[in-house]
């Protein structure tokens, strides 16, 4: 299944206020460990329930410059480990990254029990096939997700 970033209905991006943009940049840099230079952050776009992830639990797709794609999942539970939907989301993210010419795809899954399940989830993630070192999975506490994304209903 190929993913084409530019096919499908046109989706309107979420418009960010300057303080929301700064909150998002801080989240990506500090929360996810992104070392992208400042100029990469000159273009940020957020789409809610992006078409390219239809049927998968991606609540937002953040496009940062021409380098980074961040899928954010607020709704999927990981208590039983990486499920089929998360695995499919990682593969779809890699395909999108490659077809659209981006450098990295980061999938962020928020979980209230992130601290206790993250090691096991990362071990499962390391065992997935078909991914590469430019696909990342972050299991985080919901509190580190920018507040404006949590307030927008998904």
N, C-alpha and C. Protein backbone atom coordinates (compact mmCIF):
# COMPACT_ATOMS: atom_id res chain seq x y z
N UNK A 1 0.84 -1.17 0.00
CA UNK A 1 0.00 0.00 0.00
C UNK A 1 0.89 1.24 0.00
N UNK A 2 0.85 2.01 -1.05
CA UNK A 2 1.61 3.25 -1.09
C UNK A 2 0.82 4.39 -0.50
N UNK A 3 1.51 5.34 0.03
CA UNK A 3 0.87 6.51 0.59
C UNK A 3 1.28 7.69 -0.28
N UNK A 4 0.31 8.44 -0.76
CA UNK A 4 0.62 9.62 -1.54
C UNK A 4 0.17 10.85 -0.78
N UNK A 5 1.11 11.66 -0.38
CA UNK A 5 0.88 12.82 0.46
C UNK A 5 -0.04 13.83 -0.19
N UNK A 6 -0.06 13.89 -1.52
CA UNK A 6 -0.75 14.95 -2.21
C UNK A 6 -2.06 14.53 -2.86
N UNK A 7 -2.52 13.32 -2.62
CA UNK A 7 -3.74 12.84 -3.23
C UNK A 7 -4.86 12.86 -2.19
N UNK A 8 -6.08 13.04 -2.67
CA UNK A 8 -7.22 13.04 -1.77
C UNK A 8 -7.78 14.45 -1.64
N UNK A 9 -8.79 14.59 -0.83
CA UNK A 9 -9.40 15.91 -0.66
C UNK A 9 -8.41 16.85 0.01
N UNK A 10 -8.59 18.11 -0.25
CA UNK A 10 -7.70 19.10 0.36
C UNK A 10 -8.14 19.30 1.80
N UNK A 11 -7.19 19.16 2.71
CA UNK A 11 -7.49 19.33 4.12
C UNK A 11 -6.96 20.68 4.58
N UNK A 12 -7.77 21.36 5.33
CA UNK A 12 -7.35 22.64 5.88
C UNK A 12 -6.45 22.38 7.09
N UNK A 13 -5.36 23.10 7.13
CA UNK A 13 -4.45 22.98 8.26
C UNK A 13 -4.97 23.81 9.43
N UNK A 14 -4.59 23.42 10.62
CA UNK A 14 -4.93 24.18 11.82
C UNK A 14 -4.05 25.43 11.85
N UNK A 15 -4.66 26.58 12.02
CA UNK A 15 -3.89 27.82 12.10
C UNK A 15 -3.38 28.00 13.53
N UNK A 16 -2.10 28.32 13.63
CA UNK A 16 -1.46 28.45 14.94
C UNK A 16 -1.24 29.91 15.31
N UNK A 17 -1.52 30.22 16.56
CA UNK A 17 -1.13 31.52 17.10
C UNK A 17 0.36 31.44 17.44
N UNK A 18 1.05 32.57 17.53
CA UNK A 18 2.49 32.53 17.81
C UNK A 18 2.86 31.74 19.06
N UNK A 19 2.06 31.85 20.12
CA UNK A 19 2.38 31.12 21.35
C UNK A 19 2.18 29.62 21.18
N UNK A 20 1.21 29.22 20.34
CA UNK A 20 1.02 27.80 20.06
C UNK A 20 2.17 27.25 19.23
N UNK A 21 2.62 28.04 18.28
CA UNK A 21 3.76 27.62 17.46
C UNK A 21 5.00 27.42 18.33
N UNK A 22 5.22 28.33 19.27
CA UNK A 22 6.38 28.20 20.17
C UNK A 22 6.24 26.98 21.07
N UNK A 23 5.03 26.72 21.53
CA UNK A 23 4.78 25.53 22.37
C UNK A 23 5.07 24.25 21.57
N UNK A 24 4.69 24.24 20.30
CA UNK A 24 4.94 23.08 19.45
C UNK A 24 6.43 22.90 19.19
N UNK A 25 7.13 23.98 18.91
CA UNK A 25 8.58 23.91 18.69
C UNK A 25 9.28 23.37 19.93
N UNK A 26 8.90 23.85 21.10
CA UNK A 26 9.48 23.35 22.36
C UNK A 26 9.21 21.86 22.54
N UNK A 27 7.99 21.44 22.23
CA UNK A 27 7.63 20.02 22.34
C UNK A 27 8.50 19.17 21.43
N UNK A 28 8.67 19.59 20.19
CA UNK A 28 9.44 18.81 19.22
C UNK A 28 10.92 18.79 19.61
N UNK A 29 11.43 19.92 20.02
CA UNK A 29 12.86 19.99 20.38
C UNK A 29 13.15 19.31 21.71
N UNK A 30 12.43 19.70 22.74
CA UNK A 30 12.73 19.21 24.09
C UNK A 30 12.05 17.87 24.39
N UNK A 31 10.81 17.73 23.99
CA UNK A 31 10.07 16.50 24.29
C UNK A 31 10.46 15.33 23.42
N UNK A 32 10.82 15.62 22.14
CA UNK A 32 11.14 14.54 21.21
C UNK A 32 12.62 14.48 20.86
N UNK A 33 13.38 15.49 21.27
CA UNK A 33 14.82 15.47 21.03
C UNK A 33 15.24 15.84 19.62
N UNK A 34 14.41 16.61 18.92
CA UNK A 34 14.75 17.00 17.56
C UNK A 34 15.84 18.07 17.58
N UNK A 35 16.87 17.86 16.79
CA UNK A 35 17.96 18.82 16.72
C UNK A 35 17.94 19.65 15.45
N UNK A 36 16.79 19.76 14.81
CA UNK A 36 16.69 20.53 13.57
C UNK A 36 17.06 21.99 13.81
N UNK A 37 17.74 22.60 12.83
CA UNK A 37 18.08 24.02 12.97
C UNK A 37 16.83 24.92 12.91
N UNK A 38 16.98 26.14 13.38
CA UNK A 38 15.85 27.08 13.46
C UNK A 38 15.11 27.25 12.15
N UNK A 39 15.86 27.31 11.03
CA UNK A 39 15.21 27.58 9.75
C UNK A 39 14.20 26.50 9.35
N UNK A 40 14.39 25.28 9.85
CA UNK A 40 13.44 24.20 9.54
C UNK A 40 12.07 24.53 10.12
N UNK A 41 12.05 25.23 11.24
CA UNK A 41 10.80 25.55 11.92
C UNK A 41 10.10 26.77 11.33
N UNK A 42 10.60 27.29 10.22
CA UNK A 42 9.96 28.46 9.59
C UNK A 42 8.64 28.07 8.94
N UNK A 43 8.45 26.78 8.66
CA UNK A 43 7.18 26.30 8.12
C UNK A 43 6.68 25.17 9.01
N UNK A 44 5.50 25.37 9.59
CA UNK A 44 4.87 24.34 10.41
C UNK A 44 3.42 24.23 9.97
N UNK A 45 2.98 23.01 9.73
CA UNK A 45 1.60 22.78 9.35
C UNK A 45 1.07 21.62 10.17
N UNK A 46 -0.15 21.76 10.66
CA UNK A 46 -0.79 20.69 11.43
C UNK A 46 -2.11 20.35 10.77
N UNK A 47 -2.30 19.06 10.51
CA UNK A 47 -3.57 18.59 9.99
C UNK A 47 -4.19 17.64 11.00
N UNK A 48 -5.48 17.84 11.24
CA UNK A 48 -6.24 17.00 12.16
C UNK A 48 -6.80 15.81 11.39
N UNK A 49 -6.67 14.61 11.96
CA UNK A 49 -7.15 13.37 11.34
C UNK A 49 -6.76 13.34 9.85
N UNK A 50 -5.46 13.34 9.57
CA UNK A 50 -5.00 13.44 8.18
C UNK A 50 -5.46 12.26 7.31
N UNK A 51 -5.87 12.61 6.10
CA UNK A 51 -6.36 11.60 5.15
C UNK A 51 -5.35 10.49 4.89
N UNK A 52 -4.06 10.83 4.87
CA UNK A 52 -3.05 9.82 4.55
C UNK A 52 -2.96 8.72 5.60
N UNK A 53 -3.55 8.95 6.76
CA UNK A 53 -3.59 7.94 7.82
C UNK A 53 -5.02 7.47 8.08
N UNK A 54 -5.87 7.56 7.08
CA UNK A 54 -7.28 7.17 7.24
C UNK A 54 -7.38 5.74 7.77
N UNK A 55 -8.21 5.57 8.79
CA UNK A 55 -8.40 4.26 9.39
C UNK A 55 -7.37 3.90 10.44
N UNK A 56 -6.40 4.80 10.65
CA UNK A 56 -5.37 4.57 11.66
C UNK A 56 -5.52 5.61 12.77
N UNK A 57 -4.95 5.35 13.94
CA UNK A 57 -5.21 6.22 15.09
C UNK A 57 -4.35 7.49 15.17
N UNK A 58 -4.07 8.11 14.03
CA UNK A 58 -3.27 9.34 14.04
C UNK A 58 -4.23 10.52 14.13
N UNK A 59 -4.14 11.26 15.24
CA UNK A 59 -5.02 12.39 15.46
C UNK A 59 -4.53 13.65 14.76
N UNK A 60 -3.20 13.80 14.65
CA UNK A 60 -2.60 14.97 14.01
C UNK A 60 -1.37 14.55 13.22
N UNK A 61 -1.14 15.26 12.11
CA UNK A 61 0.11 15.14 11.38
C UNK A 61 0.73 16.52 11.35
N UNK A 62 1.92 16.63 11.91
CA UNK A 62 2.65 17.89 11.95
C UNK A 62 3.76 17.81 10.91
N UNK A 63 3.77 18.78 10.01
CA UNK A 63 4.82 18.88 9.00
C UNK A 63 5.72 20.04 9.41
N UNK A 64 6.99 19.79 9.55
CA UNK A 64 7.94 20.82 9.97
C UNK A 64 9.00 20.97 8.89
N UNK A 65 8.97 22.15 8.25
CA UNK A 65 9.89 22.40 7.15
C UNK A 65 9.73 21.34 6.09
N UNK A 66 10.81 21.01 5.45
CA UNK A 66 10.79 19.94 4.45
C UNK A 66 11.57 18.73 4.96
N UNK A 67 11.65 18.63 6.30
CA UNK A 67 12.46 17.57 6.89
C UNK A 67 11.73 16.59 7.78
N UNK A 68 10.77 17.08 8.56
CA UNK A 68 10.24 16.26 9.66
C UNK A 68 8.72 16.12 9.59
N UNK A 69 8.26 14.89 9.75
CA UNK A 69 6.84 14.58 9.90
C UNK A 69 6.65 13.99 11.29
N UNK A 70 5.64 14.49 12.01
CA UNK A 70 5.34 13.99 13.35
C UNK A 70 3.87 13.59 13.38
N UNK A 71 3.61 12.30 13.59
CA UNK A 71 2.25 11.83 13.79
C UNK A 71 1.98 11.79 15.28
N UNK A 72 0.83 12.32 15.68
CA UNK A 72 0.49 12.36 17.10
C UNK A 72 -0.79 11.57 17.33
N UNK A 73 -0.70 10.63 18.24
CA UNK A 73 -1.82 9.76 18.57
C UNK A 73 -2.20 10.00 20.03
N UNK A 74 -3.37 10.56 20.23
CA UNK A 74 -3.85 10.82 21.59
C UNK A 74 -4.84 9.76 22.03
N UNK A 75 -5.30 8.93 21.10
CA UNK A 75 -6.46 8.08 21.39
C UNK A 75 -6.17 6.59 21.50
N UNK A 76 -5.01 6.14 21.07
CA UNK A 76 -4.72 4.70 21.07
C UNK A 76 -4.11 4.28 22.41
N UNK A 77 -4.53 3.16 22.93
CA UNK A 77 -3.92 2.67 24.16
C UNK A 77 -2.82 1.68 23.82
N UNK A 78 -1.77 1.72 24.61
CA UNK A 78 -0.62 0.82 24.40
C UNK A 78 -0.44 -0.15 25.55
N UNK A 79 -1.42 -0.28 26.38
CA UNK A 79 -1.27 -1.12 27.56
C UNK A 79 -0.86 -2.54 27.22
N UNK A 80 -1.31 -3.05 26.06
CA UNK A 80 -0.96 -4.41 25.67
C UNK A 80 0.24 -4.45 24.74
N UNK A 81 0.91 -3.33 24.56
CA UNK A 81 2.05 -3.29 23.66
C UNK A 81 1.69 -2.65 22.34
N UNK A 82 2.61 -2.74 21.40
CA UNK A 82 2.38 -2.16 20.08
C UNK A 82 1.36 -3.03 19.36
N UNK A 83 0.22 -2.44 19.09
CA UNK A 83 -0.81 -3.18 18.37
C UNK A 83 -0.66 -3.02 16.86
N UNK A 84 -1.55 -3.66 16.15
CA UNK A 84 -1.54 -3.62 14.69
C UNK A 84 -1.67 -2.19 14.16
N UNK A 85 -2.55 -1.38 14.76
CA UNK A 85 -2.75 -0.02 14.26
C UNK A 85 -1.50 0.83 14.41
N UNK A 86 -0.78 0.66 15.51
CA UNK A 86 0.45 1.45 15.69
C UNK A 86 1.51 0.97 14.70
N UNK A 87 1.62 -0.33 14.51
CA UNK A 87 2.58 -0.86 13.52
C UNK A 87 2.25 -0.34 12.13
N UNK A 88 0.98 -0.38 11.76
CA UNK A 88 0.56 0.13 10.45
C UNK A 88 0.83 1.63 10.33
N UNK A 89 0.64 2.35 11.42
CA UNK A 89 0.90 3.80 11.41
C UNK A 89 2.37 4.09 11.19
N UNK A 90 3.23 3.30 11.80
CA UNK A 90 4.67 3.47 11.60
C UNK A 90 5.07 3.20 10.15
N UNK A 91 4.53 2.15 9.57
CA UNK A 91 4.83 1.82 8.18
C UNK A 91 4.29 2.90 7.24
N UNK A 92 3.05 3.35 7.49
CA UNK A 92 2.46 4.40 6.66
C UNK A 92 3.25 5.69 6.79
N UNK A 93 3.73 6.00 7.99
CA UNK A 93 4.54 7.19 8.20
C UNK A 93 5.86 7.12 7.45
N UNK A 94 6.47 5.95 7.45
CA UNK A 94 7.73 5.77 6.70
C UNK A 94 7.47 5.94 5.20
N UNK A 95 6.38 5.35 4.71
CA UNK A 95 6.05 5.47 3.29
C UNK A 95 5.79 6.93 2.92
N UNK A 96 5.07 7.64 3.76
CA UNK A 96 4.80 9.06 3.52
C UNK A 96 6.09 9.86 3.53
N UNK A 97 6.93 9.60 4.52
CA UNK A 97 8.23 10.27 4.60
C UNK A 97 9.02 10.09 3.31
N UNK A 98 9.10 8.86 2.84
CA UNK A 98 9.87 8.56 1.65
C UNK A 98 9.25 9.17 0.38
N UNK A 99 7.94 9.03 0.24
CA UNK A 99 7.29 9.51 -0.99
C UNK A 99 7.27 11.04 -1.06
N UNK A 100 7.23 11.71 0.08
CA UNK A 100 7.18 13.17 0.09
C UNK A 100 8.56 13.80 0.25
N UNK A 101 9.61 12.97 0.41
CA UNK A 101 10.97 13.48 0.47
C UNK A 101 11.39 14.09 1.80
N UNK A 102 10.79 13.65 2.88
CA UNK A 102 11.17 14.13 4.21
C UNK A 102 12.31 13.27 4.77
N UNK A 103 12.96 13.78 5.82
CA UNK A 103 14.09 13.06 6.42
C UNK A 103 13.66 12.08 7.50
N UNK A 104 12.68 12.47 8.33
CA UNK A 104 12.31 11.64 9.48
C UNK A 104 10.80 11.61 9.66
N UNK A 105 10.36 10.50 10.28
CA UNK A 105 8.98 10.39 10.76
C UNK A 105 9.04 10.00 12.22
N UNK A 106 8.36 10.75 13.03
CA UNK A 106 8.26 10.46 14.46
C UNK A 106 6.79 10.21 14.80
N UNK A 107 6.51 9.08 15.39
CA UNK A 107 5.16 8.78 15.86
C UNK A 107 5.15 8.96 17.37
N UNK A 108 4.25 9.80 17.83
CA UNK A 108 4.13 10.11 19.26
C UNK A 108 2.81 9.52 19.74
N UNK A 109 2.89 8.66 20.75
CA UNK A 109 1.70 8.08 21.35
C UNK A 109 1.65 8.51 22.81
N UNK A 110 0.57 9.18 23.16
CA UNK A 110 0.39 9.64 24.54
C UNK A 110 -0.28 8.56 25.36
N UNK A 111 0.27 8.32 26.56
CA UNK A 111 -0.29 7.32 27.46
C UNK A 111 -0.06 7.76 28.89
N UNK A 112 -1.09 7.63 29.70
CA UNK A 112 -0.98 7.97 31.13
C UNK A 112 0.03 7.08 31.84
N UNK A 113 0.29 5.91 31.28
CA UNK A 113 1.24 4.97 31.90
C UNK A 113 2.54 4.89 31.10
N UNK A 114 2.88 5.96 30.42
CA UNK A 114 4.05 5.97 29.53
C UNK A 114 5.32 5.55 30.26
N UNK A 115 5.52 6.05 31.46
CA UNK A 115 6.76 5.76 32.17
C UNK A 115 6.95 4.27 32.43
N UNK A 116 5.85 3.58 32.71
CA UNK A 116 5.99 2.15 33.04
C UNK A 116 6.00 1.26 31.80
N UNK A 117 5.41 1.69 30.70
CA UNK A 117 5.34 0.82 29.52
C UNK A 117 6.37 1.16 28.45
N UNK A 118 6.97 2.34 28.51
CA UNK A 118 7.89 2.78 27.45
C UNK A 118 9.03 1.79 27.18
N UNK A 119 9.70 1.24 28.20
CA UNK A 119 10.79 0.30 27.91
C UNK A 119 10.34 -0.93 27.10
N UNK A 120 9.22 -1.51 27.48
CA UNK A 120 8.72 -2.68 26.75
C UNK A 120 8.28 -2.31 25.34
N UNK A 121 7.66 -1.15 25.20
CA UNK A 121 7.22 -0.69 23.88
C UNK A 121 8.43 -0.44 22.99
N UNK A 122 9.46 0.18 23.53
CA UNK A 122 10.67 0.44 22.72
C UNK A 122 11.34 -0.87 22.30
N UNK A 123 11.30 -1.87 23.16
CA UNK A 123 11.86 -3.18 22.82
C UNK A 123 11.07 -3.81 21.67
N UNK A 124 9.75 -3.71 21.74
CA UNK A 124 8.90 -4.23 20.66
C UNK A 124 9.16 -3.45 19.37
N UNK A 125 9.27 -2.13 19.49
CA UNK A 125 9.54 -1.27 18.32
C UNK A 125 10.85 -1.67 17.65
N UNK A 126 11.87 -1.95 18.43
CA UNK A 126 13.18 -2.34 17.88
C UNK A 126 13.09 -3.64 17.09
N UNK A 127 12.11 -4.47 17.42
CA UNK A 127 11.95 -5.74 16.74
C UNK A 127 11.09 -5.70 15.49
N UNK A 128 10.48 -4.54 15.20
CA UNK A 128 9.65 -4.43 14.00
C UNK A 128 10.53 -4.42 12.75
N UNK A 129 10.06 -5.04 11.70
CA UNK A 129 10.81 -5.07 10.45
C UNK A 129 10.23 -4.05 9.46
N UNK A 130 11.05 -3.67 8.49
CA UNK A 130 10.60 -2.76 7.45
C UNK A 130 10.76 -1.29 7.79
N UNK A 131 11.27 -0.99 8.97
CA UNK A 131 11.50 0.40 9.36
C UNK A 131 12.99 0.68 9.28
N UNK A 132 13.39 1.92 9.50
CA UNK A 132 14.81 2.25 9.50
C UNK A 132 15.10 3.21 10.65
N UNK A 133 16.33 3.69 10.73
CA UNK A 133 16.72 4.52 11.86
C UNK A 133 16.22 5.96 11.77
N UNK A 134 15.43 6.25 10.75
CA UNK A 134 14.83 7.58 10.64
C UNK A 134 13.33 7.54 10.91
N UNK A 135 12.88 6.44 11.49
CA UNK A 135 11.52 6.30 12.00
C UNK A 135 11.65 6.14 13.50
N UNK A 136 10.92 6.96 14.24
CA UNK A 136 11.03 6.94 15.70
C UNK A 136 9.65 6.78 16.32
N UNK A 137 9.61 6.10 17.44
CA UNK A 137 8.39 5.96 18.23
C UNK A 137 8.65 6.56 19.60
N UNK A 138 7.79 7.49 19.99
CA UNK A 138 7.89 8.15 21.30
C UNK A 138 6.62 7.84 22.08
N UNK A 139 6.77 7.25 23.24
CA UNK A 139 5.65 7.01 24.15
C UNK A 139 5.82 8.03 25.27
N UNK A 140 4.84 8.93 25.39
CA UNK A 140 4.99 10.06 26.30
C UNK A 140 3.75 10.25 27.17
N UNK A 141 3.95 10.93 28.27
CA UNK A 141 2.83 11.34 29.10
C UNK A 141 2.00 12.37 28.33
N UNK A 142 0.68 12.32 28.41
CA UNK A 142 -0.14 13.31 27.71
C UNK A 142 0.21 14.75 28.08
N UNK A 143 0.73 14.95 29.27
CA UNK A 143 1.04 16.31 29.73
C UNK A 143 2.13 17.00 28.92
N UNK A 144 2.95 16.23 28.18
CA UNK A 144 3.98 16.90 27.39
C UNK A 144 3.50 17.28 25.98
N UNK A 145 2.33 16.76 25.59
CA UNK A 145 1.73 17.14 24.31
C UNK A 145 1.27 18.60 24.45
N UNK A 146 1.52 19.43 23.44
CA UNK A 146 1.07 20.82 23.54
C UNK A 146 -0.41 20.91 23.91
N UNK A 147 -0.69 21.77 24.87
CA UNK A 147 -2.05 21.90 25.39
C UNK A 147 -3.08 22.23 24.34
N UNK A 148 -2.73 23.04 23.35
CA UNK A 148 -3.71 23.41 22.34
C UNK A 148 -4.16 22.21 21.50
N UNK A 149 -3.30 21.19 21.36
CA UNK A 149 -3.70 19.99 20.64
C UNK A 149 -4.63 19.14 21.48
N UNK A 150 -4.44 19.15 22.77
CA UNK A 150 -5.31 18.38 23.65
C UNK A 150 -6.70 19.00 23.76
N UNK A 151 -6.76 20.33 23.57
CA UNK A 151 -8.06 21.02 23.68
C UNK A 151 -8.89 20.91 22.40
N UNK A 152 -8.23 20.72 21.26
CA UNK A 152 -8.95 20.56 20.00
C UNK A 152 -9.55 19.16 19.99
N UNK A 153 -10.85 19.07 19.81
CA UNK A 153 -11.46 17.73 19.85
C UNK A 153 -11.01 16.93 18.64
N UNK A 154 -10.70 15.64 18.90
CA UNK A 154 -10.23 14.76 17.82
C UNK A 154 -11.28 13.81 17.35
